[in-house]
């Protein structure tokens, strides 16, 4: 009997040792050059650092969210990371079924004892993007094209407006959302159409916070000779010389942390934690002067130190 018990314990330890983390990418996948790509980079960074493999799945429709999470759980994957707020309900359902496994969700809160919820203070990074946009604008009119019209995107817009007016109180921000469903994240043609409309109204710098829809925004901005601002990943290289910057939303930080060991509860990432930033490289070096960058870096330091308070739309419902 003791031998059998020992064998069972050894088998259990072996199963734990062989457990692999898993990541489920949202619509748009890991090659969206934005949110999903940043998350994938975090998984790859963990793989390189640990020398271990991981499991992954790119969903093609909404029904696959819960199916993928459950199948990974049945295989003993640990932890299981859902990338994007639409996966919250599936992560919650499967985490309840498998309380001994660990889970993580990016961009939403799932209040369970075996789930780590990563949320971002996007308004802080968007503030810097808005400030830089206002400093670069020659018309005093800025554009913003969001994806799905949800509080998360409104939070980005609110921060963008605050930063723009911090640099130039007279600046005008022209904004539009692509749609009200998840399909709003994957419609580049609609993004391009909205960009042309904002350009006709005088906007000369346009921020795309719209997933793969944003690729259409940035392409149209470049074609029209305007400046674009990317989001999530560094998108400066998509249109060198026409990309003012990209607001980095480091979903790679969340994935790397989760793969390294889930810490249940809410983890908030902002400028201070390195979860957000602006991208500077050879592709936008001629667009951002040393003085522009100095002013933005000064504002960043003030936000981190608490000297500048950036309003969170989701908390204060400001910027309406």
C-alpha atoms as a PDB file:
ATOM      1  CA  UNK A   1       0.000   0.000   0.000  1.00  0.00           C
ATOM      2  CA  UNK A   2       2.853   2.342   0.861  1.00  0.00           C
ATOM      3  CA  UNK A   3       4.468   1.530  -2.461  1.00  0.00           C
ATOM      4  CA  UNK A   4       1.251   2.379  -4.273  1.00  0.00           C
ATOM      5  CA  UNK A   5       0.945   5.649  -2.354  1.00  0.00           C
ATOM      6  CA  UNK A   6       4.527   6.564  -3.163  1.00  0.00           C
ATOM      7  CA  UNK A   7       3.951   5.780  -6.821  1.00  0.00           C
ATOM      8  CA  UNK A   8       0.859   8.000  -6.838  1.00  0.00           C
ATOM      9  CA  UNK A   9       2.777  10.860  -5.242  1.00  0.00           C
ATOM     10  CA  UNK A  10       5.584  10.505  -7.762  1.00  0.00           C
ATOM     11  CA  UNK A  11       3.077  10.456 -10.594  1.00  0.00           C
ATOM     12  CA  UNK A  12       1.432  13.590  -9.261  1.00  0.00           C
ATOM     13  CA  UNK A  13       4.767  15.389  -9.002  1.00  0.00           C
ATOM     14  CA  UNK A  14       5.668  14.275 -12.507  1.00  0.00           C
ATOM     15  CA  UNK A  15       2.399  15.682 -13.837  1.00  0.00           C
ATOM     16  CA  UNK A  16       3.073  19.025 -12.165  1.00  0.00           C
ATOM     17  CA  UNK A  17       6.628  19.076 -13.492  1.00  0.00           C
ATOM     18  CA  UNK A  18       5.393  18.421 -17.019  1.00  0.00           C
ATOM     19  CA  UNK A  19       2.620  21.014 -16.872  1.00  0.00           C
ATOM     20  CA  UNK A  20       2.991  23.616 -19.588  1.00  0.00           C
ATOM     21  CA  UNK A  21       1.557  27.127 -19.572  1.00  0.00           C
ATOM     22  CA  UNK A  22      -0.995  27.914 -22.262  1.00  0.00           C
ATOM     23  CA  UNK A  23      -2.056  31.122 -23.934  1.00  0.00           C
ATOM     24  CA  UNK A  24      -5.292  31.797 -25.816  1.00  0.00           C
ATOM     25  CA  UNK A  25      -5.124  34.637 -28.332  1.00  0.00           C
ATOM     26  CA  UNK A  26      -8.159  36.731 -29.126  1.00  0.00           C
ATOM     27  CA  UNK A  27      -9.612  37.380 -32.602  1.00  0.00           C
ATOM     28  CA  UNK A  28      -6.847  38.893 -34.703  1.00  0.00           C
ATOM     29  CA  UNK A  29      -4.380  36.372 -33.324  1.00  0.00           C
ATOM     30  CA  UNK A  30      -0.739  36.709 -32.423  1.00  0.00           C
ATOM     31  CA  UNK A  31       0.173  38.327 -35.743  1.00  0.00           C
ATOM     32  CA  UNK A  32      -2.078  41.374 -35.433  1.00  0.00           C
ATOM     33  CA  UNK A  33       1.026  43.589 -35.003  1.00  0.00           C
ATOM     34  CA  UNK A  34      -0.707  45.021 -31.948  1.00  0.00           C
ATOM     35  CA  UNK A  35      -2.266  43.587 -28.780  1.00  0.00           C
ATOM     36  CA  UNK A  36      -1.850  39.911 -29.667  1.00  0.00           C
ATOM     37  CA  UNK A  37       1.673  40.324 -30.978  1.00  0.00           C
ATOM     38  CA  UNK A  38       2.788  41.955 -27.739  1.00  0.00           C
ATOM     39  CA  UNK A  39       1.285  39.080 -25.730  1.00  0.00           C
ATOM     40  CA  UNK A  40       3.004  36.519 -27.964  1.00  0.00           C
ATOM     41  CA  UNK A  41       6.333  38.300 -27.401  1.00  0.00           C
ATOM     42  CA  UNK A  42       5.854  37.839 -23.663  1.00  0.00           C
ATOM     43  CA  UNK A  43       5.287  34.117 -24.123  1.00  0.00           C
ATOM     44  CA  UNK A  44       8.363  33.863 -26.326  1.00  0.00           C
ATOM     45  CA  UNK A  45      10.446  35.798 -23.805  1.00  0.00           C
ATOM     46  CA  UNK A  46       9.389  33.349 -21.087  1.00  0.00           C
ATOM     47  CA  UNK A  47      10.217  30.419 -23.354  1.00  0.00           C
ATOM     48  CA  UNK A  48      13.703  31.795 -23.997  1.00  0.00           C
ATOM     49  CA  UNK A  49      14.311  32.567 -20.328  1.00  0.00           C
ATOM     50  CA  UNK A  50      13.000  29.247 -18.994  1.00  0.00           C
ATOM     51  CA  UNK A  51      14.000  26.954 -21.817  1.00  0.00           C
ATOM     52  CA  UNK A  52      10.528  25.405 -21.640  1.00  0.00           C
ATOM     53  CA  UNK A  53       7.737  25.134 -24.219  1.00  0.00           C
ATOM     54  CA  UNK A  54       4.217  26.482 -23.958  1.00  0.00           C
ATOM     55  CA  UNK A  55       0.854  25.762 -25.571  1.00  0.00           C
ATOM     56  CA  UNK A  56      -1.077  28.264 -27.661  1.00  0.00           C
ATOM     57  CA  UNK A  57      -4.344  28.677 -29.529  1.00  0.00           C
ATOM     58  CA  UNK A  58      -5.697  31.443 -31.781  1.00  0.00           C
ATOM     59  CA  UNK A  59      -9.470  31.559 -31.732  1.00  0.00           C
ATOM     60  CA  UNK A  60     -11.420  31.987 -34.962  1.00  0.00           C
ATOM     61  CA  UNK A  61     -14.848  32.562 -33.401  1.00  0.00           C
ATOM     62  CA  UNK A  62     -16.405  33.353 -30.025  1.00  0.00           C
ATOM     63  CA  UNK A  63     -17.415  29.758 -29.280  1.00  0.00           C
ATOM     64  CA  UNK A  64     -13.791  28.660 -29.257  1.00  0.00           C
ATOM     65  CA  UNK A  65     -12.856  30.792 -26.254  1.00  0.00           C
ATOM     66  CA  UNK A  66     -14.341  28.467 -23.648  1.00  0.00           C
ATOM     67  CA  UNK A  67     -13.622  25.342 -25.690  1.00  0.00           C
ATOM     68  CA  UNK A  68      -9.918  26.174 -25.835  1.00  0.00           C
ATOM     69  CA  UNK A  69      -9.685  27.040 -22.130  1.00  0.00           C
ATOM     70  CA  UNK A  70     -11.421  23.810 -21.119  1.00  0.00           C
ATOM     71  CA  UNK A  71      -9.321  21.618 -23.401  1.00  0.00           C
ATOM     72  CA  UNK A  72      -6.121  23.133 -22.059  1.00  0.00           C
ATOM     73  CA  UNK A  73      -7.366  22.557 -18.509  1.00  0.00           C
ATOM     74  CA  UNK A  74      -8.241  18.949 -19.287  1.00  0.00           C
ATOM     75  CA  UNK A  75      -4.689  18.462 -20.537  1.00  0.00           C
ATOM     76  CA  UNK A  76      -3.354  19.878 -17.270  1.00  0.00           C
ATOM     77  CA  UNK A  77      -1.940  23.088 -18.737  1.00  0.00           C
ATOM     78  CA  UNK A  78      -0.948  25.470 -15.956  1.00  0.00           C
ATOM     79  CA  UNK A  79      -1.360  28.405 -15.984  1.00  0.00           C
ATOM     80  CA  UNK A  80      -3.873  29.184 -18.714  1.00  0.00           C
ATOM     81  CA  UNK A  81      -3.812  32.801 -19.908  1.00  0.00           C
ATOM     82  CA  UNK A  82      -6.671  34.478 -21.765  1.00  0.00           C
ATOM     83  CA  UNK A  83      -5.533  37.514 -23.761  1.00  0.00           C
ATOM     84  CA  UNK A  84      -8.292  40.110 -23.950  1.00  0.00           C
ATOM     85  CA  UNK A  85     -11.439  41.095 -22.060  1.00  0.00           C
ATOM     86  CA  UNK A  86     -13.793  39.004 -24.271  1.00  0.00           C
ATOM     87  CA  UNK A  87     -12.266  35.900 -22.686  1.00  0.00           C
ATOM     88  CA  UNK A  88     -13.258  36.828 -19.138  1.00  0.00           C
ATOM     89  CA  UNK A  89     -16.427  34.732 -19.006  1.00  0.00           C
ATOM     90  CA  UNK A  90     -14.711  31.635 -20.412  1.00  0.00           C
ATOM     91  CA  UNK A  91     -11.757  31.962 -18.033  1.00  0.00           C
ATOM     92  CA  UNK A  92     -14.154  32.381 -15.110  1.00  0.00           C
ATOM     93  CA  UNK A  93     -16.216  29.338 -16.090  1.00  0.00           C
ATOM     94  CA  UNK A  94     -13.233  27.040 -16.593  1.00  0.00           C
ATOM     95  CA  UNK A  95     -11.364  28.344 -13.537  1.00  0.00           C
ATOM     96  CA  UNK A  96     -14.368  27.381 -11.399  1.00  0.00           C
ATOM     97  CA  UNK A  97     -14.344  23.880 -12.889  1.00  0.00           C
ATOM     98  CA  UNK A  98     -10.610  23.423 -12.279  1.00  0.00           C
ATOM     99  CA  UNK A  99      -9.861  25.140  -8.950  1.00  0.00           C
ATOM    100  CA  UNK A 100      -6.458  23.427  -8.627  1.00  0.00           C
ATOM    101  CA  UNK A 101      -5.184  25.033 -11.820  1.00  0.00           C
ATOM    102  CA  UNK A 102      -4.094  28.644 -12.180  1.00  0.00           C
ATOM    103  CA  UNK A 103      -5.445  31.108 -14.714  1.00  0.00           C
ATOM    104  CA  UNK A 104      -4.829  34.696 -15.801  1.00  0.00           C
ATOM    105  CA  UNK A 105      -6.866  37.205 -17.763  1.00  0.00           C
ATOM    106  CA  UNK A 106      -5.584  40.345 -19.495  1.00  0.00           C
ATOM    107  CA  UNK A 107      -7.753  43.485 -19.548  1.00  0.00           C
ATOM    108  CA  UNK A 108     -10.507  42.274 -17.242  1.00  0.00           C
ATOM    109  CA  UNK A 109     -11.048  41.244 -13.633  1.00  0.00           C
ATOM    110  CA  UNK A 110     -12.134  37.713 -12.734  1.00  0.00           C
ATOM    111  CA  UNK A 111     -12.539  37.541  -8.959  1.00  0.00           C
ATOM    112  CA  UNK A 112     -11.583  33.936  -8.216  1.00  0.00           C
ATOM    113  CA  UNK A 113      -8.858  32.634  -5.893  1.00  0.00           C
ATOM    114  CA  UNK A 114      -6.999  30.893  -8.740  1.00  0.00           C
ATOM    115  CA  UNK A 115      -7.051  33.786 -11.239  1.00  0.00           C
ATOM    116  CA  UNK A 116      -4.656  36.694 -11.703  1.00  0.00           C
ATOM    117  CA  UNK A 117      -6.325  39.662 -13.386  1.00  0.00           C
ATOM    118  CA  UNK A 118      -4.076  42.081 -15.271  1.00  0.00           C
ATOM    119  CA  UNK A 119      -5.468  45.558 -15.864  1.00  0.00           C
ATOM    120  CA  UNK A 120      -3.701  48.565 -17.347  1.00  0.00           C
ATOM    121  CA  UNK A 121      -3.820  52.266 -16.625  1.00  0.00           C
ATOM    122  CA  UNK A 122      -4.033  52.986 -20.361  1.00  0.00           C
ATOM    123  CA  UNK A 123      -4.961  56.600 -19.725  1.00  0.00           C
ATOM    124  CA  UNK A 124      -1.415  57.269 -18.509  1.00  0.00           C
ATOM    125  CA  UNK A 125       0.220  56.103 -21.738  1.00  0.00           C
ATOM    126  CA  UNK A 126      -2.474  57.756 -23.857  1.00  0.00           C
ATOM    127  CA  UNK A 127      -1.778  61.055 -22.067  1.00  0.00           C
ATOM    128  CA  UNK A 128       1.814  60.966 -23.360  1.00  0.00           C
ATOM    129  CA  UNK A 129       0.615  60.053 -26.861  1.00  0.00           C
ATOM    130  CA  UNK A 130      -1.792  62.988 -26.849  1.00  0.00           C
ATOM    131  CA  UNK A 131       0.859  65.367 -25.583  1.00  0.00           C
ATOM    132  CA  UNK A 132       3.298  64.321 -28.310  1.00  0.00           C
ATOM    133  CA  UNK A 133       0.566  64.520 -30.954  1.00  0.00           C
ATOM    134  CA  UNK A 134      -0.302  68.092 -29.956  1.00  0.00           C
ATOM    135  CA  UNK A 135       3.355  69.087 -30.025  1.00  0.00           C
ATOM    136  CA  UNK A 136       3.719  67.657 -33.539  1.00  0.00           C
ATOM    137  CA  UNK A 137       0.442  68.931 -35.010  1.00  0.00           C
ATOM    138  CA  UNK A 138       0.508  71.871 -37.372  1.00  0.00           C
ATOM    139  CA  UNK A 139      -3.271  72.240 -37.679  1.00  0.00           C
ATOM    140  CA  UNK A 140      -4.131  72.022 -33.997  1.00  0.00           C
ATOM    141  CA  UNK A 141      -6.525  69.187 -34.827  1.00  0.00           C
ATOM    142  CA  UNK A 142      -5.922  65.587 -33.825  1.00  0.00           C
ATOM    143  CA  UNK A 143      -7.725  62.403 -34.780  1.00  0.00           C
ATOM    144  CA  UNK A 144      -8.576  59.264 -32.820  1.00  0.00           C
ATOM    145  CA  UNK A 145     -10.038  56.052 -34.208  1.00  0.00           C
ATOM    146  CA  UNK A 146     -11.065  53.506 -31.598  1.00  0.00           C
ATOM    147  CA  UNK A 147     -12.171  49.912 -32.064  1.00  0.00           C
ATOM    148  CA  UNK A 148     -15.195  48.651 -30.156  1.00  0.00           C
ATOM    149  CA  UNK A 149     -17.017  51.412 -28.305  1.00  0.00           C
ATOM    150  CA  UNK A 150     -16.426  50.220 -24.743  1.00  0.00           C
ATOM    151  CA  UNK A 151     -15.181  51.937 -21.564  1.00  0.00           C
ATOM    152  CA  UNK A 152     -11.662  50.553 -22.101  1.00  0.00           C
ATOM    153  CA  UNK A 153     -11.307  52.411 -25.413  1.00  0.00           C
ATOM    154  CA  UNK A 154     -13.001  55.490 -23.995  1.00  0.00           C
ATOM    155  CA  UNK A 155     -10.346  55.427 -21.271  1.00  0.00           C
ATOM    156  CA  UNK A 156      -7.627  55.626 -23.925  1.00  0.00           C
ATOM    157  CA  UNK A 157      -9.424  58.471 -25.700  1.00  0.00           C
ATOM    158  CA  UNK A 158      -9.873  60.346 -22.427  1.00  0.00           C
ATOM    159  CA  UNK A 159      -6.171  60.113 -21.609  1.00  0.00           C
ATOM    160  CA  UNK A 160      -5.268  61.158 -25.167  1.00  0.00           C
ATOM    161  CA  UNK A 161      -7.449  64.261 -24.897  1.00  0.00           C
ATOM    162  CA  UNK A 162      -5.979  65.198 -21.524  1.00  0.00           C
ATOM    163  CA  UNK A 163      -2.416  64.923 -22.783  1.00  0.00           C
ATOM    164  CA  UNK A 164      -3.209  66.893 -25.935  1.00  0.00           C
ATOM    165  CA  UNK A 165      -4.747  69.746 -23.977  1.00  0.00           C
ATOM    166  CA  UNK A 166      -1.867  69.675 -21.494  1.00  0.00           C
ATOM    167  CA  UNK A 167       0.443  70.526 -24.398  1.00  0.00           C
ATOM    168  CA  UNK A 168      -1.984  72.859 -26.189  1.00  0.00           C
ATOM    169  CA  UNK A 169      -5.216  73.945 -24.425  1.00  0.00           C
ATOM    170  CA  UNK A 170      -6.672  75.022 -27.771  1.00  0.00           C
ATOM    171  CA  UNK A 171      -6.179  71.700 -29.529  1.00  0.00           C
ATOM    172  CA  UNK A 172      -9.218  69.917 -30.981  1.00  0.00           C
ATOM    173  CA  UNK A 173      -9.595  66.121 -30.865  1.00  0.00           C
ATOM    174  CA  UNK A 174     -11.841  64.517 -33.476  1.00  0.00           C
ATOM    175  CA  UNK A 175     -12.802  60.990 -32.474  1.00  0.00           C
ATOM    176  CA  UNK A 176     -14.740  58.030 -33.824  1.00  0.00           C
ATOM    177  CA  UNK A 177     -15.358  54.428 -32.792  1.00  0.00           C
ATOM    178  CA  UNK A 178     -15.442  51.685 -35.389  1.00  0.00           C
ATOM    179  CA  UNK A 179     -18.425  49.787 -34.000  1.00  0.00           C
ATOM    180  CA  UNK A 180     -20.164  48.283 -30.992  1.00  0.00           C
ATOM    181  CA  UNK A 181     -19.314  44.575 -31.413  1.00  0.00           C
ATOM    182  CA  UNK A 182     -16.094  42.552 -31.347  1.00  0.00           C
ATOM    183  CA  UNK A 183     -15.994  42.817 -35.149  1.00  0.00           C
ATOM    184  CA  UNK A 184     -14.929  46.439 -34.700  1.00  0.00           C
ATOM    185  CA  UNK A 185     -11.409  45.210 -33.936  1.00  0.00           C
ATOM    186  CA  UNK A 186     -10.940  43.509 -37.311  1.00  0.00           C
ATOM    187  CA  UNK A 187     -12.160  45.969 -39.954  1.00  0.00           C
ATOM    188  CA  UNK A 188      -9.197  47.789 -41.589  1.00  0.00           C
ATOM    189  CA  UNK A 189     -11.365  49.117 -44.431  1.00  0.00           C
ATOM    190  CA  UNK A 190     -13.677  50.871 -41.973  1.00  0.00           C
ATOM    191  CA  UNK A 191     -10.645  52.204 -40.117  1.00  0.00           C
ATOM    192  CA  UNK A 192      -9.301  53.718 -43.330  1.00  0.00           C
ATOM    193  CA  UNK A 193     -12.683  55.294 -44.080  1.00  0.00           C
ATOM    194  CA  UNK A 194     -12.863  56.945 -40.642  1.00  0.00           C
ATOM    195  CA  UNK A 195      -9.311  58.219 -41.067  1.00  0.00           C
ATOM    196  CA  UNK A 196     -10.119  59.889 -44.372  1.00  0.00           C
ATOM    197  CA  UNK A 197     -13.125  61.555 -42.746  1.00  0.00           C
ATOM    198  CA  UNK A 198     -11.003  62.945 -39.907  1.00  0.00           C
ATOM    199  CA  UNK A 199      -8.333  64.096 -42.346  1.00  0.00           C
ATOM    200  CA  UNK A 200     -10.984  66.015 -44.283  1.00  0.00           C
ATOM    201  CA  UNK A 201     -11.843  67.785 -41.028  1.00  0.00           C
ATOM    202  CA  UNK A 202      -8.253  68.934 -40.627  1.00  0.00           C
ATOM    203  CA  UNK A 203      -6.683  66.293 -38.365  1.00  0.00           C
ATOM    204  CA  UNK A 204      -3.007  65.819 -39.173  1.00  0.00           C
ATOM    205  CA  UNK A 205      -2.069  63.310 -36.432  1.00  0.00           C
ATOM    206  CA  UNK A 206      -4.299  60.267 -35.917  1.00  0.00           C
ATOM    207  CA  UNK A 207      -4.119  57.751 -33.075  1.00  0.00           C
ATOM    208  CA  UNK A 208      -5.350  54.235 -33.872  1.00  0.00           C
ATOM    209  CA  UNK A 209      -6.527  52.226 -30.858  1.00  0.00           C
ATOM    210  CA  UNK A 210      -8.414  49.588 -32.777  1.00  0.00           C
ATOM    211  CA  UNK A 211      -6.603  46.260 -33.101  1.00  0.00           C
ATOM    212  CA  UNK A 212      -6.190  45.144 -36.712  1.00  0.00           C
ATOM    213  CA  UNK A 213      -8.689  47.839 -37.707  1.00  0.00           C
ATOM    214  CA  UNK A 214      -5.875  50.196 -36.766  1.00  0.00           C
ATOM    215  CA  UNK A 215      -3.744  48.830 -39.601  1.00  0.00           C
ATOM    216  CA  UNK A 216      -6.214  50.428 -42.008  1.00  0.00           C
ATOM    217  CA  UNK A 217      -6.084  53.657 -40.026  1.00  0.00           C
ATOM    218  CA  UNK A 218      -2.300  53.849 -40.153  1.00  0.00           C
ATOM    219  CA  UNK A 219      -2.156  52.920 -43.838  1.00  0.00           C
ATOM    220  CA  UNK A 220      -4.667  55.618 -44.755  1.00  0.00           C
ATOM    221  CA  UNK A 221      -2.857  58.196 -42.620  1.00  0.00           C
ATOM    222  CA  UNK A 222       0.433  57.405 -44.363  1.00  0.00           C
ATOM    223  CA  UNK A 223      -1.195  57.536 -47.808  1.00  0.00           C
ATOM    224  CA  UNK A 224      -2.620  60.963 -46.992  1.00  0.00           C
ATOM    225  CA  UNK A 225       0.710  62.285 -45.732  1.00  0.00           C
ATOM    226  CA  UNK A 226      -0.484  62.472 -42.132  1.00  0.00           C
ATOM    227  CA  UNK A 227       1.182  61.198 -38.986  1.00  0.00           C
ATOM    228  CA  UNK A 228      -0.115  58.057 -37.320  1.00  0.00           C
ATOM    229  CA  UNK A 229       0.193  56.799 -33.745  1.00  0.00           C
ATOM    230  CA  UNK A 230       0.165  53.052 -33.220  1.00  0.00           C
ATOM    231  CA  UNK A 231      -0.900  51.093 -30.178  1.00  0.00           C
ATOM    232  CA  UNK A 232       0.033  48.098 -28.021  1.00  0.00           C
ATOM    233  CA  UNK A 233       3.098  46.903 -29.994  1.00  0.00           C
ATOM    234  CA  UNK A 234       5.730  49.137 -31.587  1.00  0.00           C
ATOM    235  CA  UNK A 235       4.112  49.829 -34.963  1.00  0.00           C
ATOM    236  CA  UNK A 236       6.563  52.539 -36.006  1.00  0.00           C
ATOM    237  CA  UNK A 237       8.111  50.276 -38.611  1.00  0.00           C
ATOM    238  CA  UNK A 238       4.838  49.829 -40.497  1.00  0.00           C
ATOM    239  CA  UNK A 239       5.210  53.246 -42.118  1.00  0.00           C
ATOM    240  CA  UNK A 240       8.675  54.663 -41.349  1.00  0.00           C
ATOM    241  CA  UNK A 241       8.711  58.431 -41.315  1.00  0.00           C
ATOM    242  CA  UNK A 242       4.915  58.643 -41.054  1.00  0.00           C
ATOM    243  CA  UNK A 243       4.525  57.144 -37.576  1.00  0.00           C
ATOM    244  CA  UNK A 244       4.910  59.724 -34.830  1.00  0.00           C
ATOM    245  CA  UNK A 245       5.100  57.002 -32.173  1.00  0.00           C
ATOM    246  CA  UNK A 246       3.265  53.986 -30.772  1.00  0.00           C
ATOM    247  CA  UNK A 247       1.687  53.767 -27.339  1.00  0.00           C
ATOM    248  CA  UNK A 248       3.124  50.550 -26.012  1.00  0.00           C
ATOM    249  CA  UNK A 249       0.724  48.514 -23.947  1.00  0.00           C
ATOM    250  CA  UNK A 250       3.035  45.839 -22.625  1.00  0.00           C
ATOM    251  CA  UNK A 251       0.777  42.808 -22.651  1.00  0.00           C
ATOM    252  CA  UNK A 252       4.049  40.891 -22.874  1.00  0.00           C
ATOM    253  CA  UNK A 253       4.707  41.931 -19.271  1.00  0.00           C
ATOM    254  CA  UNK A 254       1.419  40.359 -18.136  1.00  0.00           C
ATOM    255  CA  UNK A 255       1.989  37.111 -20.036  1.00  0.00           C
ATOM    256  CA  UNK A 256       5.579  36.791 -18.850  1.00  0.00           C
ATOM    257  CA  UNK A 257       4.549  37.368 -15.244  1.00  0.00           C
ATOM    258  CA  UNK A 258       1.676  34.872 -15.461  1.00  0.00           C
ATOM    259  CA  UNK A 259       3.827  32.197 -17.080  1.00  0.00           C
ATOM    260  CA  UNK A 260       6.468  32.767 -14.393  1.00  0.00           C
ATOM    261  CA  UNK A 261       3.946  32.178 -11.618  1.00  0.00           C
ATOM    262  CA  UNK A 262       0.362  33.324 -11.175  1.00  0.00           C
ATOM    263  CA  UNK A 263      -0.261  35.624  -8.222  1.00  0.00           C
ATOM    264  CA  UNK A 264      -4.058  35.598  -7.724  1.00  0.00           C
ATOM    265  CA  UNK A 265      -5.730  38.969  -7.429  1.00  0.00           C
ATOM    266  CA  UNK A 266      -5.612  42.193  -9.421  1.00  0.00           C
ATOM    267  CA  UNK A 267      -2.338  43.441 -10.918  1.00  0.00           C
ATOM    268  CA  UNK A 268      -2.441  47.027 -12.205  1.00  0.00           C
ATOM    269  CA  UNK A 269       0.215  48.049 -14.728  1.00  0.00           C
ATOM    270  CA  UNK A 270       1.007  51.626 -15.738  1.00  0.00           C
ATOM    271  CA  UNK A 271       3.972  53.865 -16.482  1.00  0.00           C
ATOM    272  CA  UNK A 272       5.549  53.194 -13.090  1.00  0.00           C
ATOM    273  CA  UNK A 273       5.537  49.411 -13.557  1.00  0.00           C
ATOM    274  CA  UNK A 274       6.793  49.549 -17.133  1.00  0.00           C
ATOM    275  CA  UNK A 275       3.447  48.364 -18.465  1.00  0.00           C
ATOM    276  CA  UNK A 276       3.029  51.412 -20.722  1.00  0.00           C
ATOM    277  CA  UNK A 277       5.334  53.702 -22.685  1.00  0.00           C
ATOM    278  CA  UNK A 278       5.914  55.435 -25.999  1.00  0.00           C
ATOM    279  CA  UNK A 279       8.095  53.941 -28.728  1.00  0.00           C
ATOM    280  CA  UNK A 280      11.145  55.796 -29.991  1.00  0.00           C
ATOM    281  CA  UNK A 281      13.365  54.295 -32.658  1.00  0.00           C
ATOM    282  CA  UNK A 282      15.017  54.960 -36.009  1.00  0.00           C
ATOM    283  CA  UNK A 283      11.620  55.074 -37.724  1.00  0.00           C
ATOM    284  CA  UNK A 284      10.396  58.182 -35.881  1.00  0.00           C
ATOM    285  CA  UNK A 285      13.724  59.775 -34.920  1.00  0.00           C
ATOM    286  CA  UNK A 286      13.260  62.650 -37.396  1.00  0.00           C
ATOM    287  CA  UNK A 287       9.718  63.347 -36.236  1.00  0.00           C
ATOM    288  CA  UNK A 288      10.355  63.720 -32.509  1.00  0.00           C
ATOM    289  CA  UNK A 289      12.706  66.576 -31.676  1.00  0.00           C
ATOM    290  CA  UNK A 290      14.857  66.477 -28.526  1.00  0.00           C
ATOM    291  CA  UNK A 291      12.693  69.239 -27.025  1.00  0.00           C
ATOM    292  CA  UNK A 292       9.465  67.333 -27.744  1.00  0.00           C
ATOM    293  CA  UNK A 293      10.858  64.209 -26.148  1.00  0.00           C
ATOM    294  CA  UNK A 294      12.177  66.164 -23.161  1.00  0.00           C
ATOM    295  CA  UNK A 295       8.722  67.599 -22.490  1.00  0.00           C
ATOM    296  CA  UNK A 296       7.045  64.209 -22.786  1.00  0.00           C
ATOM    297  CA  UNK A 297       9.615  62.532 -20.532  1.00  0.00           C
ATOM    298  CA  UNK A 298       9.103  65.308 -17.972  1.00  0.00           C
ATOM    299  CA  UNK A 299       5.356  64.685 -18.006  1.00  0.00           C
ATOM    300  CA  UNK A 300       5.952  60.949 -17.680  1.00  0.00           C
ATOM    301  CA  UNK A 301       8.091  61.539 -14.589  1.00  0.00           C
ATOM    302  CA  UNK A 302       5.398  63.790 -13.130  1.00  0.00           C
ATOM    303  CA  UNK A 303       2.709  61.152 -13.697  1.00  0.00           C
ATOM    304  CA  UNK A 304       4.823  58.465 -12.039  1.00  0.00           C
ATOM    305  CA  UNK A 305       5.533  60.790  -9.108  1.00  0.00           C
ATOM    306  CA  UNK A 306       1.874  61.736  -8.778  1.00  0.00           C
ATOM    307  CA  UNK A 307       2.392  65.394  -9.669  1.00  0.00           C
ATOM    308  CA  UNK A 308       0.152  64.979 -12.714  1.00  0.00           C
ATOM    309  CA  UNK A 309      -3.111  63.171 -12.074  1.00  0.00           C
ATOM    310  CA  UNK A 310      -4.517  61.640 -15.242  1.00  0.00           C
ATOM    311  CA  UNK A 311      -8.266  61.103 -14.999  1.00  0.00           C
ATOM    312  CA  UNK A 312      -9.411  57.521 -15.503  1.00  0.00           C
ATOM    313  CA  UNK A 313     -12.606  57.576 -17.599  1.00  0.00           C
ATOM    314  CA  UNK A 314     -13.782  54.255 -16.158  1.00  0.00           C
ATOM    315  CA  UNK A 315     -13.490  55.563 -12.604  1.00  0.00           C
ATOM    316  CA  UNK A 316     -14.624  59.162 -13.017  1.00  0.00           C
ATOM    317  CA  UNK A 317     -16.630  58.950 -16.261  1.00  0.00           C
ATOM    318  CA  UNK A 318     -14.930  62.160 -17.361  1.00  0.00           C
ATOM    319  CA  UNK A 319     -14.198  63.246 -20.951  1.00  0.00           C
ATOM    320  CA  UNK A 320     -17.812  62.869 -22.001  1.00  0.00           C
END
